Amino acid sequence: MSFPEFFARIPGITLRDPLAELLGAAEGGLIDYRFADAVKLAGHSCPTVAGAWLMTVRALQALYGDEIPERGNIVVALHEDLDSGVAGVMASIATLLTGATGDGGFKGLGGRYSRRNLLHFGVAGIAGMAFTRLDNNAAVDCKLRLDLVPADPRMGSLLPAVVRGTADEAERKLFGELWQDRVKRILIDQANHPEIVKIERLR
């Protein structure tokens, strides 16, 4: 399996999952996640997947500081409805890292470790995607501004040809390179830009 080389340079995140520890799946419940895991889940790498990854990582860092974030201890709420835009894709990346799911998630074990009903769509009063800790009710609201990292101008002419299937091999190759270049700029070059992921502490 060969991913673009910059994937390895994107900082990962370590989470502690008490359920994984209980079931012997991970020593100490510690699981390392990389951007490549999000790509495997989504089946592709794009600005939306990159933005959702960055938003979730930044939210967990804001909520936990120097602590290791606890997977399964986070409620995720999105302003958009499930069938609106890219809400489903973004939520899937948030689920990967937080464990939060809707009605179809893990029901729990002995009344503990449930992951159900921790993911909500169409929630009023938030700007983008909000994350809330179950243990202390600390919460942050995150707004993503991917427009601050624009696509290469050449994409305007390449995209229609690629979609129509009329692009030649060189054009398809350039399209993929430019597409991933924007992902790289989001997650490496501009990852610490304070406006790309705007975080507001709710409580």
N, C-alpha and C. Protein backbone atom coordinates (compact mmCIF):
# COMPACT_ATOMS: atom_id res chain seq x y z
N MET A 1 0.85 -1.18 0.00
CA MET A 1 0.00 0.00 0.00
C MET A 1 0.88 1.24 0.00
N SER A 2 0.65 2.11 -0.94
CA SER A 2 1.49 3.29 -1.07
C SER A 2 0.64 4.55 -1.03
N PHE A 3 0.85 5.36 0.01
CA PHE A 3 0.17 6.64 0.15
C PHE A 3 1.15 7.75 -0.22
N PRO A 4 0.67 8.95 -0.49
CA PRO A 4 1.57 10.08 -0.69
C PRO A 4 2.52 10.22 0.50
N GLU A 5 3.75 10.60 0.23
CA GLU A 5 4.77 10.62 1.28
C GLU A 5 4.43 11.55 2.43
N PHE A 6 3.67 12.60 2.15
CA PHE A 6 3.39 13.57 3.22
C PHE A 6 2.46 13.02 4.28
N PHE A 7 1.75 11.92 4.01
CA PHE A 7 0.88 11.33 5.03
C PHE A 7 1.68 11.02 6.29
N ALA A 8 2.91 10.53 6.11
CA ALA A 8 3.75 10.15 7.25
C ALA A 8 4.17 11.35 8.08
N ARG A 9 4.08 12.54 7.50
CA ARG A 9 4.50 13.75 8.22
C ARG A 9 3.35 14.43 8.95
N ILE A 10 2.15 13.93 8.77
CA ILE A 10 0.99 14.50 9.46
C ILE A 10 0.97 13.97 10.89
N PRO A 11 0.97 14.82 11.90
CA PRO A 11 0.98 14.33 13.27
C PRO A 11 -0.22 13.44 13.56
N GLY A 12 0.04 12.33 14.23
CA GLY A 12 -1.04 11.45 14.64
C GLY A 12 -1.55 11.83 16.02
N ILE A 13 -2.42 10.99 16.57
CA ILE A 13 -2.94 11.25 17.91
C ILE A 13 -3.11 9.91 18.62
N THR A 14 -2.78 9.88 19.91
CA THR A 14 -2.96 8.69 20.73
C THR A 14 -4.18 8.88 21.61
N LEU A 15 -5.06 7.89 21.60
CA LEU A 15 -6.26 7.93 22.41
C LEU A 15 -6.25 6.74 23.37
N ARG A 16 -6.96 6.89 24.46
CA ARG A 16 -7.14 5.77 25.40
C ARG A 16 -8.58 5.31 25.32
N ASP A 17 -8.76 4.04 24.99
CA ASP A 17 -10.10 3.47 24.88
C ASP A 17 -10.28 2.43 25.97
N PRO A 18 -11.03 2.75 27.03
CA PRO A 18 -11.21 1.80 28.13
C PRO A 18 -11.82 0.47 27.70
N LEU A 19 -12.69 0.49 26.69
CA LEU A 19 -13.30 -0.74 26.21
C LEU A 19 -12.25 -1.62 25.54
N ALA A 20 -11.38 -1.02 24.75
CA ALA A 20 -10.30 -1.78 24.11
C ALA A 20 -9.38 -2.40 25.15
N GLU A 21 -9.12 -1.66 26.25
CA GLU A 21 -8.30 -2.20 27.33
C GLU A 21 -8.99 -3.37 28.00
N LEU A 22 -10.27 -3.21 28.31
CA LEU A 22 -11.03 -4.26 28.98
C LEU A 22 -11.04 -5.56 28.17
N LEU A 23 -11.21 -5.42 26.87
CA LEU A 23 -11.33 -6.59 26.01
C LEU A 23 -9.99 -7.11 25.50
N GLY A 24 -8.91 -6.52 25.99
CA GLY A 24 -7.58 -7.01 25.65
C GLY A 24 -7.14 -6.67 24.24
N ALA A 25 -7.78 -5.66 23.65
CA ALA A 25 -7.44 -5.30 22.26
C ALA A 25 -6.25 -4.37 22.17
N ALA A 26 -5.97 -3.64 23.24
CA ALA A 26 -4.86 -2.69 23.22
C ALA A 26 -4.33 -2.53 24.64
N GLU A 27 -3.02 -2.71 24.81
CA GLU A 27 -2.42 -2.61 26.14
C GLU A 27 -2.64 -1.20 26.69
N GLY A 28 -3.21 -1.13 27.88
CA GLY A 28 -3.50 0.16 28.49
C GLY A 28 -4.60 0.92 27.79
N GLY A 29 -5.21 0.28 26.79
CA GLY A 29 -6.26 0.95 26.02
C GLY A 29 -5.73 2.01 25.08
N LEU A 30 -4.42 2.06 24.90
CA LEU A 30 -3.81 3.10 24.08
C LEU A 30 -3.79 2.70 22.60
N ILE A 31 -4.36 3.55 21.77
CA ILE A 31 -4.42 3.30 20.33
C ILE A 31 -3.93 4.54 19.60
N ASP A 32 -2.99 4.33 18.70
CA ASP A 32 -2.47 5.42 17.88
C ASP A 32 -3.26 5.50 16.57
N TYR A 33 -3.68 6.71 16.23
CA TYR A 33 -4.39 6.94 14.98
C TYR A 33 -3.58 7.89 14.11
N ARG A 34 -3.56 7.59 12.81
CA ARG A 34 -2.89 8.43 11.83
C ARG A 34 -3.90 8.86 10.77
N PHE A 35 -3.53 9.89 10.02
CA PHE A 35 -4.42 10.35 8.96
C PHE A 35 -4.72 9.24 7.96
N ALA A 36 -3.76 8.36 7.75
CA ALA A 36 -3.97 7.24 6.83
C ALA A 36 -5.15 6.38 7.28
N ASP A 37 -5.39 6.29 8.58
CA ASP A 37 -6.55 5.53 9.07
C ASP A 37 -7.85 6.18 8.62
N ALA A 38 -7.88 7.50 8.64
CA ALA A 38 -9.07 8.22 8.17
C ALA A 38 -9.27 8.01 6.68
N VAL A 39 -8.18 7.98 5.94
CA VAL A 39 -8.25 7.75 4.49
C VAL A 39 -8.77 6.34 4.21
N LYS A 40 -8.30 5.36 4.97
CA LYS A 40 -8.79 3.99 4.79
C LYS A 40 -10.28 3.91 5.08
N LEU A 41 -10.73 4.61 6.10
CA LEU A 41 -12.15 4.61 6.45
C LEU A 41 -12.99 5.25 5.35
N ALA A 42 -12.56 6.43 4.90
CA ALA A 42 -13.32 7.16 3.90
C ALA A 42 -13.17 6.57 2.50
N GLY A 43 -12.05 5.91 2.27
CA GLY A 43 -11.76 5.37 0.95
C GLY A 43 -11.10 6.36 0.03
N HIS A 44 -10.80 7.55 0.53
CA HIS A 44 -10.14 8.57 -0.28
C HIS A 44 -9.57 9.65 0.62
N SER A 45 -8.70 10.47 0.05
CA SER A 45 -8.13 11.61 0.76
C SER A 45 -8.57 12.87 0.04
N CYS A 46 -9.23 13.76 0.76
CA CYS A 46 -9.74 14.99 0.16
C CYS A 46 -9.73 16.09 1.21
N PRO A 47 -9.98 17.34 0.82
CA PRO A 47 -10.01 18.43 1.80
C PRO A 47 -11.04 18.22 2.91
N THR A 48 -12.19 17.61 2.59
CA THR A 48 -13.20 17.37 3.62
C THR A 48 -12.69 16.39 4.67
N VAL A 49 -12.11 15.28 4.24
CA VAL A 49 -11.55 14.30 5.18
C VAL A 49 -10.43 14.94 5.98
N ALA A 50 -9.58 15.71 5.31
CA ALA A 50 -8.49 16.40 6.00
C ALA A 50 -9.03 17.39 7.02
N GLY A 51 -10.05 18.17 6.62
CA GLY A 51 -10.62 19.14 7.53
C GLY A 51 -11.27 18.51 8.73
N ALA A 52 -11.99 17.40 8.52
CA ALA A 52 -12.63 16.70 9.63
C ALA A 52 -11.60 16.12 10.59
N TRP A 53 -10.52 15.57 10.02
CA TRP A 53 -9.42 15.06 10.86
C TRP A 53 -8.83 16.19 11.70
N LEU A 54 -8.49 17.29 11.06
CA LEU A 54 -7.87 18.40 11.77
C LEU A 54 -8.81 18.97 12.82
N MET A 55 -10.08 19.11 12.48
CA MET A 55 -11.06 19.65 13.41
C MET A 55 -11.19 18.76 14.65
N THR A 56 -11.27 17.44 14.43
CA THR A 56 -11.44 16.53 15.56
C THR A 56 -10.19 16.49 16.44
N VAL A 57 -9.03 16.45 15.83
CA VAL A 57 -7.78 16.44 16.60
C VAL A 57 -7.65 17.73 17.42
N ARG A 58 -7.91 18.85 16.78
CA ARG A 58 -7.79 20.13 17.49
C ARG A 58 -8.80 20.23 18.62
N ALA A 59 -10.02 19.72 18.41
CA ALA A 59 -11.04 19.74 19.46
C ALA A 59 -10.60 18.89 20.65
N LEU A 60 -10.07 17.70 20.39
CA LEU A 60 -9.62 16.84 21.47
C LEU A 60 -8.46 17.46 22.23
N GLN A 61 -7.57 18.11 21.51
CA GLN A 61 -6.46 18.79 22.18
C GLN A 61 -6.96 19.93 23.06
N ALA A 62 -7.97 20.64 22.59
CA ALA A 62 -8.54 21.74 23.37
C ALA A 62 -9.24 21.22 24.62
N LEU A 63 -9.90 20.08 24.51
CA LEU A 63 -10.67 19.53 25.64
C LEU A 63 -9.79 18.82 26.66
N TYR A 64 -8.68 18.26 26.22
CA TYR A 64 -7.87 17.43 27.11
C TYR A 64 -6.50 18.01 27.45
N GLY A 65 -6.06 19.00 26.72
CA GLY A 65 -4.75 19.58 27.02
C GLY A 65 -3.65 18.54 26.95
N ASP A 66 -2.90 18.38 28.03
CA ASP A 66 -1.79 17.42 28.06
C ASP A 66 -2.24 16.00 28.37
N GLU A 67 -3.51 15.81 28.69
CA GLU A 67 -4.02 14.47 28.96
C GLU A 67 -4.20 13.70 27.66
N ILE A 68 -4.22 12.38 27.77
CA ILE A 68 -4.56 11.54 26.61
C ILE A 68 -6.08 11.51 26.50
N PRO A 69 -6.64 11.91 25.38
CA PRO A 69 -8.09 11.90 25.23
C PRO A 69 -8.68 10.51 25.38
N GLU A 70 -9.86 10.45 25.93
CA GLU A 70 -10.53 9.16 26.15
C GLU A 70 -11.57 8.90 25.08
N ARG A 71 -11.34 7.89 24.29
CA ARG A 71 -12.29 7.50 23.26
C ARG A 71 -13.53 6.89 23.92
N GLY A 72 -14.71 7.30 23.47
CA GLY A 72 -15.95 6.85 24.08
C GLY A 72 -16.48 7.80 25.12
N ASN A 73 -15.75 8.87 25.38
CA ASN A 73 -16.12 9.85 26.40
C ASN A 73 -16.54 11.18 25.78
N ILE A 74 -16.84 11.18 24.48
CA ILE A 74 -17.10 12.41 23.75
C ILE A 74 -18.45 12.33 23.03
N VAL A 75 -19.23 13.39 23.18
CA VAL A 75 -20.45 13.58 22.39
C VAL A 75 -20.10 14.51 21.23
N VAL A 76 -20.52 14.15 20.03
CA VAL A 76 -20.26 14.96 18.84
C VAL A 76 -21.58 15.45 18.27
N ALA A 77 -21.67 16.73 18.01
CA ALA A 77 -22.89 17.31 17.46
C ALA A 77 -22.54 18.16 16.25
N LEU A 78 -23.28 17.97 15.16
CA LEU A 78 -23.06 18.73 13.94
C LEU A 78 -24.24 19.67 13.68
N HIS A 79 -23.93 20.84 13.20
CA HIS A 79 -24.97 21.80 12.85
C HIS A 79 -25.78 21.30 11.65
N GLU A 80 -25.12 20.68 10.69
CA GLU A 80 -25.79 20.22 9.48
C GLU A 80 -26.56 18.92 9.72
N ASP A 81 -27.62 18.73 8.92
CA ASP A 81 -28.35 17.47 8.93
C ASP A 81 -27.50 16.38 8.31
N LEU A 82 -27.82 15.13 8.60
CA LEU A 82 -27.05 14.00 8.10
C LEU A 82 -26.97 13.98 6.58
N ASP A 83 -28.07 14.33 5.91
CA ASP A 83 -28.09 14.27 4.44
C ASP A 83 -27.69 15.58 3.78
N SER A 84 -27.10 16.46 4.55
CA SER A 84 -26.70 17.77 4.02
C SER A 84 -25.21 17.80 3.72
N GLY A 85 -24.88 18.18 2.48
CA GLY A 85 -23.47 18.37 2.12
C GLY A 85 -22.59 17.19 2.46
N VAL A 86 -21.51 17.48 3.19
CA VAL A 86 -20.53 16.45 3.53
C VAL A 86 -20.59 16.08 5.01
N ALA A 87 -21.74 16.33 5.64
CA ALA A 87 -21.87 16.09 7.08
C ALA A 87 -21.57 14.64 7.44
N GLY A 88 -22.06 13.71 6.63
CA GLY A 88 -21.84 12.29 6.92
C GLY A 88 -20.38 11.90 6.87
N VAL A 89 -19.67 12.43 5.89
CA VAL A 89 -18.24 12.14 5.77
C VAL A 89 -17.49 12.70 6.98
N MET A 90 -17.78 13.93 7.33
CA MET A 90 -17.09 14.55 8.47
C MET A 90 -17.40 13.81 9.76
N ALA A 91 -18.65 13.41 9.92
CA ALA A 91 -19.03 12.68 11.13
C ALA A 91 -18.31 11.34 11.22
N SER A 92 -18.10 10.68 10.09
CA SER A 92 -17.42 9.38 10.12
C SER A 92 -15.99 9.51 10.62
N ILE A 93 -15.34 10.60 10.27
CA ILE A 93 -13.97 10.81 10.75
C ILE A 93 -13.98 11.12 12.25
N ALA A 94 -14.96 11.91 12.67
CA ALA A 94 -15.09 12.19 14.11
C ALA A 94 -15.37 10.91 14.88
N THR A 95 -16.18 10.03 14.30
CA THR A 95 -16.48 8.75 14.95
C THR A 95 -15.23 7.90 15.08
N LEU A 96 -14.40 7.88 14.05
CA LEU A 96 -13.16 7.11 14.09
C LEU A 96 -12.35 7.45 15.33
N LEU A 97 -12.22 8.73 15.61
CA LEU A 97 -11.35 9.17 16.70
C LEU A 97 -12.06 9.19 18.06
N THR A 98 -13.33 9.54 18.09
CA THR A 98 -14.03 9.68 19.37
C THR A 98 -14.81 8.45 19.78
N GLY A 99 -15.19 7.63 18.81
CA GLY A 99 -16.04 6.48 19.10
C GLY A 99 -17.51 6.80 19.10
N ALA A 100 -17.86 8.08 19.00
CA ALA A 100 -19.26 8.50 19.07
C ALA A 100 -20.05 7.99 17.87
N THR A 101 -21.19 7.34 18.14
CA THR A 101 -22.06 6.86 17.07
C THR A 101 -23.51 7.20 17.37
N GLY A 102 -24.35 6.95 16.39
CA GLY A 102 -25.78 7.17 16.55
C GLY A 102 -26.46 5.91 17.05
N ASP A 103 -27.65 5.65 16.52
CA ASP A 103 -28.46 4.53 17.00
C ASP A 103 -27.82 3.17 16.73
N GLY A 104 -26.96 3.09 15.71
CA GLY A 104 -26.42 1.79 15.33
C GLY A 104 -25.12 1.41 16.01
N GLY A 105 -24.69 2.19 16.97
CA GLY A 105 -23.41 1.93 17.61
C GLY A 105 -23.45 0.84 18.66
N PHE A 106 -22.30 0.58 19.26
CA PHE A 106 -22.16 -0.44 20.29
C PHE A 106 -23.05 -0.10 21.49
N LYS A 107 -23.81 -1.10 21.95
CA LYS A 107 -24.80 -0.87 23.01
C LYS A 107 -24.20 -0.85 24.41
N GLY A 108 -22.97 -1.29 24.53
CA GLY A 108 -22.34 -1.29 25.84
C GLY A 108 -22.20 -2.69 26.40
N LEU A 109 -21.56 -2.74 27.54
CA LEU A 109 -21.27 -4.01 28.21
C LEU A 109 -21.49 -3.80 29.71
N GLY A 110 -22.47 -4.50 30.25
CA GLY A 110 -22.77 -4.35 31.67
C GLY A 110 -23.17 -2.95 32.06
N GLY A 111 -23.85 -2.27 31.12
CA GLY A 111 -24.30 -0.91 31.41
C GLY A 111 -23.23 0.15 31.25
N ARG A 112 -22.07 -0.23 30.74
CA ARG A 112 -20.98 0.71 30.53
C ARG A 112 -20.48 0.62 29.09
N TYR A 113 -19.68 1.58 28.71
CA TYR A 113 -18.97 1.60 27.42
C TYR A 113 -19.88 1.76 26.19
N SER A 114 -21.11 2.19 26.38
CA SER A 114 -21.99 2.40 25.23
C SER A 114 -21.46 3.52 24.36
N ARG A 115 -21.55 3.32 23.04
CA ARG A 115 -21.14 4.36 22.10
C ARG A 115 -22.36 4.91 21.35
N ARG A 116 -23.54 4.44 21.70
CA ARG A 116 -24.76 4.85 21.01
C ARG A 116 -25.22 6.23 21.47
N ASN A 117 -25.90 6.91 20.57
CA ASN A 117 -26.52 8.21 20.86
C ASN A 117 -25.51 9.26 21.34
N LEU A 118 -24.30 9.14 20.85
CA LEU A 118 -23.27 10.15 21.14
C LEU A 118 -22.98 11.02 19.92
N LEU A 119 -23.68 10.76 18.82
CA LEU A 119 -23.48 11.50 17.58
C LEU A 119 -24.82 12.06 17.13
N HIS A 120 -24.86 13.39 16.93
CA HIS A 120 -26.12 14.06 16.63
C HIS A 120 -25.95 15.02 15.45
N PHE A 121 -26.99 15.10 14.62
CA PHE A 121 -27.00 15.97 13.45
C PHE A 121 -28.12 17.00 13.58
N GLY A 122 -27.98 18.09 12.83
CA GLY A 122 -29.01 19.12 12.81
C GLY A 122 -29.22 19.80 14.15
N VAL A 123 -28.13 20.02 14.86
CA VAL A 123 -28.21 20.63 16.20
C VAL A 123 -28.10 22.14 16.08
N ALA A 124 -29.08 22.84 16.57
CA ALA A 124 -29.09 24.30 16.51
C ALA A 124 -28.14 24.89 17.54
N GLY A 125 -27.69 26.11 17.26
CA GLY A 125 -26.90 26.84 18.24
C GLY A 125 -25.41 26.57 18.20
N ILE A 126 -24.94 25.78 17.21
CA ILE A 126 -23.50 25.57 17.07
C ILE A 126 -23.09 26.00 15.67
N ALA A 127 -21.82 26.37 15.54
CA ALA A 127 -21.34 26.90 14.26
C ALA A 127 -20.98 25.81 13.28
N GLY A 128 -20.45 24.71 13.77
CA GLY A 128 -19.98 23.65 12.86
C GLY A 128 -20.13 22.28 13.46
N MET A 129 -19.12 21.88 14.25
CA MET A 129 -19.14 20.59 14.93
C MET A 129 -18.69 20.81 16.37
N ALA A 130 -19.54 20.40 17.31
CA ALA A 130 -19.25 20.60 18.73
C ALA A 130 -18.86 19.27 19.37
N PHE A 131 -17.93 19.33 20.31
CA PHE A 131 -17.43 18.15 21.02
C PHE A 131 -17.60 18.40 22.52
N THR A 132 -18.19 17.44 23.22
CA THR A 132 -18.45 17.60 24.65
C THR A 132 -17.94 16.38 25.41
N ARG A 133 -17.17 16.61 26.46
CA ARG A 133 -16.71 15.53 27.32
C ARG A 133 -17.85 15.10 28.24
N LEU A 134 -18.06 13.79 28.34
CA LEU A 134 -19.11 13.28 29.22
C LEU A 134 -18.73 13.36 30.69
N ASP A 135 -17.43 13.30 30.99
CA ASP A 135 -17.03 13.25 32.40
C ASP A 135 -17.09 14.60 33.10
N ASN A 136 -16.83 15.68 32.37
CA ASN A 136 -16.84 17.00 33.04
C ASN A 136 -17.66 18.05 32.32
N ASN A 137 -18.31 17.66 31.22
CA ASN A 137 -19.20 18.54 30.45
C ASN A 137 -18.48 19.69 29.74
N ALA A 138 -17.15 19.66 29.70
CA ALA A 138 -16.41 20.67 28.93
C ALA A 138 -16.76 20.51 27.46
N ALA A 139 -16.91 21.62 26.74
CA ALA A 139 -17.35 21.55 25.35
C ALA A 139 -16.70 22.64 24.51
N VAL A 140 -16.44 22.29 23.26
CA VAL A 140 -15.94 23.27 22.30
C VAL A 140 -16.74 23.16 21.00
N ASP A 141 -16.85 24.28 20.32
CA ASP A 141 -17.53 24.34 19.02
C ASP A 141 -16.48 24.70 17.98
N CYS A 142 -16.40 23.92 16.91
CA CYS A 142 -15.37 24.12 15.90
C CYS A 142 -15.99 24.48 14.56
N LYS A 143 -15.46 25.51 13.94
CA LYS A 143 -15.91 25.90 12.61
C LYS A 143 -14.74 25.75 11.65
N LEU A 144 -14.99 25.07 10.54
CA LEU A 144 -13.94 24.78 9.56
C LEU A 144 -14.00 25.77 8.41
N ARG A 145 -12.84 26.33 8.04
CA ARG A 145 -12.75 27.31 6.95
C ARG A 145 -11.76 26.81 5.89
N LEU A 146 -12.21 25.85 5.09
CA LEU A 146 -11.34 25.31 4.05
C LEU A 146 -11.09 26.31 2.93
N ASP A 147 -11.91 27.34 2.84
CA ASP A 147 -11.71 28.36 1.80
C ASP A 147 -10.42 29.12 2.00
N LEU A 148 -9.86 29.05 3.20
CA LEU A 148 -8.59 29.73 3.48
C LEU A 148 -7.41 28.99 2.86
N VAL A 149 -7.65 27.76 2.40
CA VAL A 149 -6.62 27.00 1.69
C VAL A 149 -7.22 26.65 0.32
N PRO A 150 -7.17 27.57 -0.63
CA PRO A 150 -7.85 27.36 -1.91
C PRO A 150 -7.17 26.31 -2.77
N ALA A 151 -7.96 25.78 -3.70
CA ALA A 151 -7.42 24.82 -4.67
C ALA A 151 -6.53 25.55 -5.67
N ASP A 152 -5.62 24.81 -6.26
CA ASP A 152 -4.78 25.35 -7.33
C ASP A 152 -5.68 25.81 -8.48
N PRO A 153 -5.42 26.98 -9.05
CA PRO A 153 -6.27 27.50 -10.13
C PRO A 153 -6.41 26.54 -11.32
N ARG A 154 -5.41 25.68 -11.52
CA ARG A 154 -5.48 24.75 -12.64
C ARG A 154 -6.58 23.70 -12.47
N MET A 155 -7.05 23.53 -11.24
CA MET A 155 -8.10 22.55 -11.00
C MET A 155 -9.39 22.93 -11.71
N GLY A 156 -9.59 24.22 -11.95
CA GLY A 156 -10.81 24.67 -12.60
C GLY A 156 -11.01 24.07 -13.97
N SER A 157 -9.93 23.91 -14.72
CA SER A 157 -10.04 23.33 -16.06
C SER A 157 -9.85 21.82 -16.05
N LEU A 158 -9.11 21.30 -15.07
CA LEU A 158 -8.87 19.86 -15.01
C LEU A 158 -10.08 19.08 -14.53
N LEU A 159 -10.78 19.61 -13.55
CA LEU A 159 -11.89 18.87 -12.94
C LEU A 159 -12.96 18.45 -13.94
N PRO A 160 -13.47 19.36 -14.79
CA PRO A 160 -14.51 18.93 -15.75
C PRO A 160 -14.03 17.81 -16.68
N ALA A 161 -12.78 17.91 -17.13
CA ALA A 161 -12.26 16.89 -18.04
C ALA A 161 -12.13 15.54 -17.34
N VAL A 162 -11.70 15.57 -16.08
CA VAL A 162 -11.56 14.32 -15.32
C VAL A 162 -12.93 13.70 -15.08
N VAL A 163 -13.90 14.53 -14.69
CA VAL A 163 -15.24 14.02 -14.42
C VAL A 163 -15.89 13.46 -15.68
N ARG A 164 -15.68 14.13 -16.81
CA ARG A 164 -16.27 13.67 -18.08
C ARG A 164 -15.55 12.45 -18.65
N GLY A 165 -14.34 12.19 -18.16
CA GLY A 165 -13.56 11.08 -18.67
C GLY A 165 -12.79 11.41 -19.94
N THR A 166 -12.64 12.70 -20.21
CA THR A 166 -11.92 13.11 -21.42
C THR A 166 -10.47 13.52 -21.14
N ALA A 167 -10.07 13.53 -19.88
CA ALA A 167 -8.69 13.90 -19.53
C ALA A 167 -7.73 12.79 -19.94
N ASP A 168 -6.55 13.18 -20.42
CA ASP A 168 -5.55 12.17 -20.76
C ASP A 168 -4.78 11.76 -19.50
N GLU A 169 -3.86 10.83 -19.67
CA GLU A 169 -3.14 10.30 -18.51
C GLU A 169 -2.37 11.38 -17.77
N ALA A 170 -1.72 12.26 -18.49
CA ALA A 170 -0.94 13.33 -17.85
C ALA A 170 -1.85 14.26 -17.07
N GLU A 171 -3.02 14.57 -17.62
CA GLU A 171 -3.97 15.45 -16.93
C GLU A 171 -4.52 14.78 -15.68
N ARG A 172 -4.82 13.50 -15.77
CA ARG A 172 -5.31 12.78 -14.59
C ARG A 172 -4.26 12.74 -13.49
N LYS A 173 -3.01 12.52 -13.88
CA LYS A 173 -1.93 12.49 -12.90
C LYS A 173 -1.76 13.85 -12.24
N LEU A 174 -1.79 14.91 -13.03
CA LEU A 174 -1.66 16.26 -12.48
C LEU A 174 -2.83 16.58 -11.57
N PHE A 175 -4.03 16.16 -11.96
CA PHE A 175 -5.22 16.39 -11.13
C PHE A 175 -5.03 15.78 -9.75
N GLY A 176 -4.60 14.51 -9.70
CA GLY A 176 -4.38 13.85 -8.42
C GLY A 176 -3.31 14.53 -7.59
N GLU A 177 -2.26 14.96 -8.22
CA GLU A 177 -1.18 15.64 -7.51
C GLU A 177 -1.64 16.96 -6.91
N LEU A 178 -2.40 17.73 -7.70
CA LEU A 178 -2.89 19.01 -7.21
C LEU A 178 -3.93 18.81 -6.10
N TRP A 179 -4.73 17.76 -6.24
CA TRP A 179 -5.75 17.46 -5.23
C TRP A 179 -5.07 17.15 -3.89
N GLN A 180 -4.07 16.29 -3.92
CA GLN A 180 -3.37 15.94 -2.69
C GLN A 180 -2.50 17.08 -2.17
N ASP A 181 -2.06 17.96 -3.06
CA ASP A 181 -1.29 19.12 -2.61
C ASP A 181 -2.14 20.00 -1.71
N ARG A 182 -3.41 20.13 -2.03
CA ARG A 182 -4.28 20.93 -1.16
C ARG A 182 -4.46 20.25 0.19
N VAL A 183 -4.60 18.94 0.20
CA VAL A 183 -4.68 18.20 1.46
C VAL A 183 -3.42 18.44 2.29
N LYS A 184 -2.26 18.38 1.63
CA LYS A 184 -1.00 18.63 2.33
C LYS A 184 -0.95 20.03 2.92
N ARG A 185 -1.40 21.00 2.16
CA ARG A 185 -1.38 22.37 2.66
C ARG A 185 -2.29 22.55 3.86
N ILE A 186 -3.42 21.83 3.88
CA ILE A 186 -4.35 21.91 5.02
C ILE A 186 -3.73 21.29 6.27
N LEU A 187 -3.14 20.11 6.11
CA LEU A 187 -2.71 19.32 7.27
C LEU A 187 -1.26 19.52 7.69
N ILE A 188 -0.46 20.14 6.83
CA ILE A 188 0.94 20.38 7.18
C ILE A 188 1.28 21.86 7.11
N ASP A 189 1.15 22.45 5.96
CA ASP A 189 1.59 23.84 5.78
C ASP A 189 0.77 24.83 6.61
N GLN A 190 -0.55 24.61 6.68
CA GLN A 190 -1.43 25.57 7.35
C GLN A 190 -2.15 24.96 8.55
N ALA A 191 -1.69 23.85 9.05
CA ALA A 191 -2.40 23.14 10.12
C ALA A 191 -2.58 23.98 11.38
N ASN A 192 -1.67 24.89 11.65
CA ASN A 192 -1.75 25.70 12.86
C ASN A 192 -2.36 27.08 12.63
N HIS A 193 -2.87 27.30 11.42
CA HIS A 193 -3.54 28.57 11.13
C HIS A 193 -4.76 28.69 12.05
N PRO A 194 -4.85 29.74 12.86
CA PRO A 194 -5.92 29.82 13.86
C PRO A 194 -7.32 29.95 13.29
N GLU A 195 -7.43 30.32 12.01
CA GLU A 195 -8.76 30.51 11.43
C GLU A 195 -9.27 29.31 10.64
N ILE A 196 -8.39 28.38 10.27
CA ILE A 196 -8.84 27.22 9.51
C ILE A 196 -9.78 26.37 10.36
N VAL A 197 -9.37 26.12 11.61
CA VAL A 197 -10.28 25.52 12.58
C VAL A 197 -10.45 26.54 13.69
N LYS A 198 -11.57 27.20 13.69
CA LYS A 198 -11.85 28.23 14.70
C LYS A 198 -12.55 27.54 15.87
N ILE A 199 -11.93 27.56 17.03
CA ILE A 199 -12.45 26.85 18.21
C ILE A 199 -13.00 27.85 19.21
N GLU A 200 -14.25 27.62 19.59
CA GLU A 200 -14.88 28.43 20.63
C GLU A 200 -15.24 27.53 21.80
N ARG A 201 -14.75 27.89 22.97
CA ARG A 201 -15.07 27.09 24.15
C ARG A 201 -16.49 27.44 24.61
N LEU A 202 -17.32 26.43 24.73
CA LEU A 202 -18.72 26.64 25.11
C LEU A 202 -18.87 26.59 26.63
N ARG A 203 -18.09 25.73 27.27
CA ARG A 203 -18.12 25.64 28.73
C ARG A 203 -16.94 24.79 29.22
